[in-house]
C-alpha atoms as a PDB file:
ATOM      1  CA  MET A   1     107.477  91.942  67.160  1.00  0.00           C
ATOM      2  CA  THR A   2     108.451  95.101  69.016  1.00  0.00           C
ATOM      3  CA  LYS A   3     106.059  98.019  69.250  1.00  0.00           C
ATOM      4  CA  THR A   4     107.499 101.494  69.041  1.00  0.00           C
ATOM      5  CA  TYR A   5     105.835 104.031  71.261  1.00  0.00           C
ATOM      6  CA  SER A   6     106.127 107.644  70.258  1.00  0.00           C
ATOM      7  CA  LYS A   7     106.608 110.428  72.742  1.00  0.00           C
ATOM      8  CA  THR A   8     103.125 111.652  71.890  1.00  0.00           C
ATOM      9  CA  ARG A   9     101.593 108.316  72.844  1.00  0.00           C
ATOM     10  CA  ILE A  10     103.556 108.261  76.110  1.00  0.00           C
ATOM     11  CA  LEU A  11     102.528 111.856  76.878  1.00  0.00           C
ATOM     12  CA  VAL A  12      98.871 110.953  76.308  1.00  0.00           C
ATOM     13  CA  GLU A  13      99.232 107.931  78.569  1.00  0.00           C
ATOM     14  CA  CYS A  14     100.884 110.079  81.257  1.00  0.00           C
ATOM     15  CA  ALA A  15      98.070 112.637  80.983  1.00  0.00           C
ATOM     16  CA  LEU A  16      95.491 109.867  81.379  1.00  0.00           C
ATOM     17  CA  MET A  17      97.322 108.533  84.446  1.00  0.00           C
ATOM     18  CA  ILE A  18      97.409 112.039  85.963  1.00  0.00           C
ATOM     19  CA  ALA A  19      93.661 112.325  85.345  1.00  0.00           C
ATOM     20  CA  ALA A  20      93.047 108.869  86.833  1.00  0.00           C
ATOM     21  CA  GLY A  21      95.182 109.685  89.881  1.00  0.00           C
ATOM     22  CA  THR A  22      93.333 112.975  90.368  1.00  0.00           C
ATOM     23  CA  VAL A  23      89.938 111.275  90.192  1.00  0.00           C
ATOM     24  CA  LEU A  24      91.042 108.472  92.542  1.00  0.00           C
ATOM     25  CA  SER A  25      92.404 111.020  95.049  1.00  0.00           C
ATOM     26  CA  ASN A  26      88.835 112.235  95.533  1.00  0.00           C
ATOM     27  CA  PHE A  27      87.707 108.806  96.766  1.00  0.00           C
ATOM     28  CA  LYS A  28      88.944 109.139 100.333  1.00  0.00           C
ATOM     29  CA  ILE A  29      88.689 106.288 102.803  1.00  0.00           C
ATOM     30  CA  TYR A  30      89.586 108.738 105.552  1.00  0.00           C
ATOM     31  CA  GLU A  31      91.097 112.203 105.772  1.00  0.00           C
ATOM     32  CA  LEU A  32      93.131 113.802 108.529  1.00  0.00           C
ATOM     33  CA  PRO A  33      92.453 117.336 109.806  1.00  0.00           C
ATOM     34  CA  ASN A  34      95.827 118.844 108.820  1.00  0.00           C
ATOM     35  CA  GLY A  35      96.127 117.272 105.410  1.00  0.00           C
ATOM     36  CA  GLY A  36      96.823 113.741 104.313  1.00  0.00           C
ATOM     37  CA  SER A  37      94.340 111.018 103.524  1.00  0.00           C
ATOM     38  CA  VAL A  38      94.003 107.391 102.598  1.00  0.00           C
ATOM     39  CA  THR A  39      92.559 107.258  99.110  1.00  0.00           C
ATOM     40  CA  PHE A  40      91.373 104.551  96.782  1.00  0.00           C
ATOM     41  CA  LEU A  41      94.655 103.802  94.957  1.00  0.00           C
ATOM     42  CA  SER A  42      95.481 107.369  93.902  1.00  0.00           C
ATOM     43  CA  MET A  43      99.234 106.609  93.840  1.00  0.00           C
ATOM     44  CA  LEU A  44      98.840 103.580  91.564  1.00  0.00           C
ATOM     45  CA  PRO A  45      98.648 105.426  88.209  1.00  0.00           C
ATOM     46  CA  PHE A  46     101.987 107.133  88.888  1.00  0.00           C
ATOM     47  CA  VAL A  47     103.660 103.900  89.918  1.00  0.00           C
ATOM     48  CA  LEU A  48     102.293 102.295  86.760  1.00  0.00           C
ATOM     49  CA  VAL A  49     103.828 105.008  84.558  1.00  0.00           C
ATOM     50  CA  SER A  50     107.195 104.318  86.153  1.00  0.00           C
ATOM     51  CA  PHE A  51     106.944 100.570  85.560  1.00  0.00           C
ATOM     52  CA  ARG A  52     105.851 101.036  81.946  1.00  0.00           C
ATOM     53  CA  HIS A  53     108.060 103.917  80.829  1.00  0.00           C
ATOM     54  CA  GLY A  54     110.846 104.231  83.389  1.00  0.00           C
ATOM     55  CA  ALA A  55     111.925 106.780  85.952  1.00  0.00           C
ATOM     56  CA  LYS A  56     112.266 109.714  83.540  1.00  0.00           C
ATOM     57  CA  TRP A  57     108.593 109.589  82.551  1.00  0.00           C
ATOM     58  CA  GLY A  58     107.581 108.669  86.096  1.00  0.00           C
ATOM     59  CA  LEU A  59     109.348 111.730  87.508  1.00  0.00           C
ATOM     60  CA  PHE A  60     107.829 113.955  84.828  1.00  0.00           C
ATOM     61  CA  THR A  61     104.327 112.627  85.524  1.00  0.00           C
ATOM     62  CA  GLY A  62     104.794 113.062  89.274  1.00  0.00           C
ATOM     63  CA  PHE A  63     105.997 116.636  88.771  1.00  0.00           C
ATOM     64  CA  VAL A  64     103.005 117.575  86.620  1.00  0.00           C
ATOM     65  CA  ASN A  65     100.705 115.928  89.145  1.00  0.00           C
ATOM     66  CA  SER A  66     102.293 117.933  91.975  1.00  0.00           C
ATOM     67  CA  LEU A  67     101.492 121.162  90.138  1.00  0.00           C
ATOM     68  CA  LEU A  68      97.917 120.026  89.552  1.00  0.00           C
ATOM     69  CA  GLN A  69      97.489 119.023  93.203  1.00  0.00           C
ATOM     70  CA  MET A  70      98.679 122.475  94.291  1.00  0.00           C
ATOM     71  CA  LEU A  71      96.211 124.125  91.922  1.00  0.00           C
ATOM     72  CA  LEU A  72      93.340 121.964  93.153  1.00  0.00           C
ATOM     73  CA  GLY A  73      93.903 122.496  96.844  1.00  0.00           C
ATOM     74  CA  PHE A  74      97.152 123.825  98.233  1.00  0.00           C
ATOM     75  CA  TYR A  75      97.091 123.192 101.968  1.00  0.00           C
ATOM     76  CA  ALA A  76      99.758 124.874 104.081  1.00  0.00           C
ATOM     77  CA  PRO A  77     100.152 126.278 107.573  1.00  0.00           C
ATOM     78  CA  PRO A  78     100.970 129.960 108.034  1.00  0.00           C
ATOM     79  CA  VAL A  79     104.735 130.161 107.648  1.00  0.00           C
ATOM     80  CA  PRO A  80     107.150 132.828 108.891  1.00  0.00           C
ATOM     81  CA  SER A  81     109.254 133.083 105.725  1.00  0.00           C
ATOM     82  CA  PHE A  82     109.548 132.208 102.062  1.00  0.00           C
ATOM     83  CA  LEU A  83     112.030 129.447 102.947  1.00  0.00           C
ATOM     84  CA  TYR A  84     109.360 127.634 104.977  1.00  0.00           C
ATOM     85  CA  PHE A  85     106.882 128.083 102.132  1.00  0.00           C
ATOM     86  CA  LEU A  86     109.410 126.662  99.670  1.00  0.00           C
ATOM     87  CA  GLY A  87     109.987 123.705 102.005  1.00  0.00           C
ATOM     88  CA  GLU A  88     106.243 123.088 102.091  1.00  0.00           C
ATOM     89  CA  VAL A  89     105.936 123.167  98.292  1.00  0.00           C
ATOM     90  CA  LEU A  90     108.938 120.908  97.745  1.00  0.00           C
ATOM     91  CA  LEU A  91     108.355 118.365 100.507  1.00  0.00           C
ATOM     92  CA  ASP A  92     104.571 118.014 100.515  1.00  0.00           C
ATOM     93  CA  TYR A  93     104.016 118.352  96.791  1.00  0.00           C
ATOM     94  CA  VAL A  94     106.887 118.336  94.290  1.00  0.00           C
ATOM     95  CA  LEU A  95     109.305 115.810  95.802  1.00  0.00           C
ATOM     96  CA  ALA A  96     106.546 113.704  97.364  1.00  0.00           C
ATOM     97  CA  PHE A  97     104.733 113.133  94.062  1.00  0.00           C
ATOM     98  CA  MET A  98     107.895 112.876  91.982  1.00  0.00           C
ATOM     99  CA  ALA A  99     109.129 110.110  94.305  1.00  0.00           C
ATOM    100  CA  LEU A 100     106.351 107.870  92.967  1.00  0.00           C
ATOM    101  CA  GLY A 101     108.034 107.951  89.581  1.00  0.00           C
ATOM    102  CA  LEU A 102     111.033 106.027  90.898  1.00  0.00           C
ATOM    103  CA  ALA A 103     109.171 102.734  91.421  1.00  0.00           C
ATOM    104  CA  ASP A 104     110.795 101.072  88.418  1.00  0.00           C
ATOM    105  CA  LEU A 105     114.302 101.811  89.710  1.00  0.00           C
ATOM    106  CA  PHE A 106     113.568 100.048  92.990  1.00  0.00           C
ATOM    107  CA  ALA A 107     111.963  97.085  91.189  1.00  0.00           C
ATOM    108  CA  ARG A 108     114.819  96.407  88.764  1.00  0.00           C
ATOM    109  CA  PRO A 109     117.085  94.381  91.106  1.00  0.00           C
ATOM    110  CA  PHE A 110     114.397  91.726  91.571  1.00  0.00           C
ATOM    111  CA  ARG A 111     114.175  88.849  89.098  1.00  0.00           C
ATOM    112  CA  ASN A 112     110.631  88.027  90.161  1.00  0.00           C
ATOM    113  CA  ARG A 113     108.492  90.794  88.626  1.00  0.00           C
ATOM    114  CA  ALA A 114     105.756  90.545  91.284  1.00  0.00           C
ATOM    115  CA  VAL A 115     108.336  90.939  94.073  1.00  0.00           C
ATOM    116  CA  GLY A 116     109.878  93.864  92.191  1.00  0.00           C
ATOM    117  CA  ILE A 117     106.498  95.546  91.814  1.00  0.00           C
ATOM    118  CA  ALA A 118     105.786  95.111  95.524  1.00  0.00           C
ATOM    119  CA  ALA A 119     109.252  96.331  96.551  1.00  0.00           C
ATOM    120  CA  GLY A 120     109.225  99.266  94.124  1.00  0.00           C
ATOM    121  CA  THR A 121     105.761 100.355  95.208  1.00  0.00           C
ATOM    122  CA  PHE A 122     106.636 100.078  98.892  1.00  0.00           C
ATOM    123  CA  ALA A 123     109.918 101.969  98.400  1.00  0.00           C
ATOM    124  CA  VAL A 124     108.282 104.947  96.696  1.00  0.00           C
ATOM    125  CA  GLY A 125     105.495 104.994  99.284  1.00  0.00           C
ATOM    126  CA  PHE A 126     108.225 105.118 101.927  1.00  0.00           C
ATOM    127  CA  LEU A 127     109.987 107.973 100.091  1.00  0.00           C
ATOM    128  CA  ARG A 128     106.719 109.890  99.975  1.00  0.00           C
ATOM    129  CA  PHE A 129     106.309 109.242 103.706  1.00  0.00           C
ATOM    130  CA  ILE A 130     109.844 110.600 104.336  1.00  0.00           C
ATOM    131  CA  CYS A 131     108.930 113.790 102.457  1.00  0.00           C
ATOM    132  CA  SER A 132     105.783 114.210 104.570  1.00  0.00           C
ATOM    133  CA  PHE A 133     107.664 113.385 107.771  1.00  0.00           C
ATOM    134  CA  LEU A 134     110.375 115.973 107.029  1.00  0.00           C
ATOM    135  CA  SER A 135     107.752 118.556 106.154  1.00  0.00           C
ATOM    136  CA  GLY A 136     106.020 117.834 109.433  1.00  0.00           C
ATOM    137  CA  VAL A 137     109.220 118.358 111.396  1.00  0.00           C
ATOM    138  CA  LEU A 138     110.712 121.266 109.438  1.00  0.00           C
ATOM    139  CA  VAL A 139     107.650 123.198 108.265  1.00  0.00           C
ATOM    140  CA  TRP A 140     104.596 122.232 110.261  1.00  0.00           C
ATOM    141  CA  GLY A 141     106.292 121.908 113.640  1.00  0.00           C
ATOM    142  CA  ASN A 142     104.468 120.550 116.627  1.00  0.00           C
ATOM    143  CA  LEU A 143     100.690 120.628 116.283  1.00  0.00           C
ATOM    144  CA  ASN A 144     100.165 118.650 119.460  1.00  0.00           C
ATOM    145  CA  GLU A 145     101.464 120.155 122.668  1.00  0.00           C
ATOM    146  CA  GLY A 146     103.495 117.788 124.753  1.00  0.00           C
ATOM    147  CA  LEU A 147     105.055 115.844 121.879  1.00  0.00           C
ATOM    148  CA  ALA A 148     108.273 116.604 120.056  1.00  0.00           C
ATOM    149  CA  ALA A 149     107.706 117.690 116.445  1.00  0.00           C
ATOM    150  CA  TRP A 150     109.439 114.604 115.064  1.00  0.00           C
ATOM    151  CA  THR A 151     107.325 112.261 117.231  1.00  0.00           C
ATOM    152  CA  TYR A 152     104.110 113.959 116.205  1.00  0.00           C
ATOM    153  CA  SER A 153     105.111 114.016 112.533  1.00  0.00           C
ATOM    154  CA  LEU A 154     106.108 110.360 112.580  1.00  0.00           C
ATOM    155  CA  GLY A 155     102.783 109.234 114.054  1.00  0.00           C
ATOM    156  CA  TYR A 156     100.622 111.612 112.049  1.00  0.00           C
ATOM    157  CA  ASN A 157     102.171 110.872 108.669  1.00  0.00           C
ATOM    158  CA  ALA A 158     102.497 107.122 109.264  1.00  0.00           C
ATOM    159  CA  SER A 159      98.782 106.975 110.136  1.00  0.00           C
ATOM    160  CA  TYR A 160      97.827 107.696 106.537  1.00  0.00           C
ATOM    161  CA  MET A 161     100.936 106.943 104.452  1.00  0.00           C
ATOM    162  CA  LEU A 162     101.366 103.360 105.686  1.00  0.00           C
ATOM    163  CA  PRO A 163      97.787 102.311 104.804  1.00  0.00           C
ATOM    164  CA  GLU A 164      97.972 104.265 101.528  1.00  0.00           C
ATOM    165  CA  THR A 165     101.214 102.499 100.587  1.00  0.00           C
ATOM    166  CA  LEU A 166      99.941  99.054 101.551  1.00  0.00           C
ATOM    167  CA  LEU A 167      96.710  99.572  99.576  1.00  0.00           C
ATOM    168  CA  THR A 168      98.713 100.711  96.560  1.00  0.00           C
ATOM    169  CA  MET A 169     100.981  97.647  96.834  1.00  0.00           C
ATOM    170  CA  ALA A 170      97.978  95.335  97.047  1.00  0.00           C
ATOM    171  CA  GLY A 171      96.276  97.078  94.121  1.00  0.00           C
ATOM    172  CA  ALA A 172      99.418  96.918  91.993  1.00  0.00           C
ATOM    173  CA  LEU A 173      99.884  93.219  92.698  1.00  0.00           C
ATOM    174  CA  LEU A 174      96.232  92.398  91.992  1.00  0.00           C
ATOM    175  CA  ILE A 175      96.336  94.254  88.691  1.00  0.00           C
ATOM    176  CA  TYR A 176      99.679  92.635  87.842  1.00  0.00           C
ATOM    177  CA  LYS A 177      98.236  89.168  88.474  1.00  0.00           C
ATOM    178  CA  ALA A 178      95.185  89.953  86.315  1.00  0.00           C
ATOM    179  CA  ALA A 179      96.968  91.849  83.519  1.00  0.00           C
ATOM    180  CA  PRO A 180     100.780  91.563  83.684  1.00  0.00           C
ATOM    181  CA  GLN A 181     101.127  93.240  80.284  1.00  0.00           C
ATOM    182  CA  LEU A 182     100.142  96.546  81.908  1.00  0.00           C
ATOM    183  CA  PHE A 183     103.386  96.428  83.900  1.00  0.00           C
ATOM    184  CA  ALA A 184     105.584  95.373  80.999  1.00  0.00           C
ATOM    185  CA  PRO A 185     108.294  97.904  80.208  1.00  0.00           C
ATOM    186  CA  GLN A 186     107.524  99.616  76.921  1.00  0.00           C
ATOM    187  CA  GLU A 187     110.244 100.404  74.426  1.00  0.00           C
ATOM    188  CA  ARG A 188     111.979 103.488  75.781  1.00  0.00           C
ATOM    189  CA  LYS A 189     113.082 106.038  73.257  1.00  0.00           C
ATOM    190  CA  GLY A 190     114.830 109.321  73.896  1.00  0.00           C
END
């Protein structure tokens, strides 16, 4: 028997995942001085939306979350122009959080669902890292004298995004092993 999920039900689920992600983002394992932190699975709710409802809903949920994150604590360096400010908003917030919604697309090629979940979660964590890395190079510049901006950005952003991604992968796989139905694609309408 196939269950039909209405858009309202999916919207409510997305709102709950945004709330869960927001709460989890406040449980920080460690935080860096210029932004960025390792949290207790704050990316997992957004990855889960993607696996359950596809990239469209995942992107939407990530976008709404990016707006909420900016409202709750926009963190940006002083920038010389609106273009730099726009780069900051897009790279550190909008694109970075929307990237999490693509997990299902990266998981699809794998026949083994657990491998797909791991690969999809790692891929979107890597995309989020790329957004942070580019922001570090293009917007933030060099915050450590003596290092090139790209070297500093690579080290700084990898120091929190790699552990965050690996924790999210481990969390996703543990939850999948315990309750695989949570990762089952739901009927996708319109």
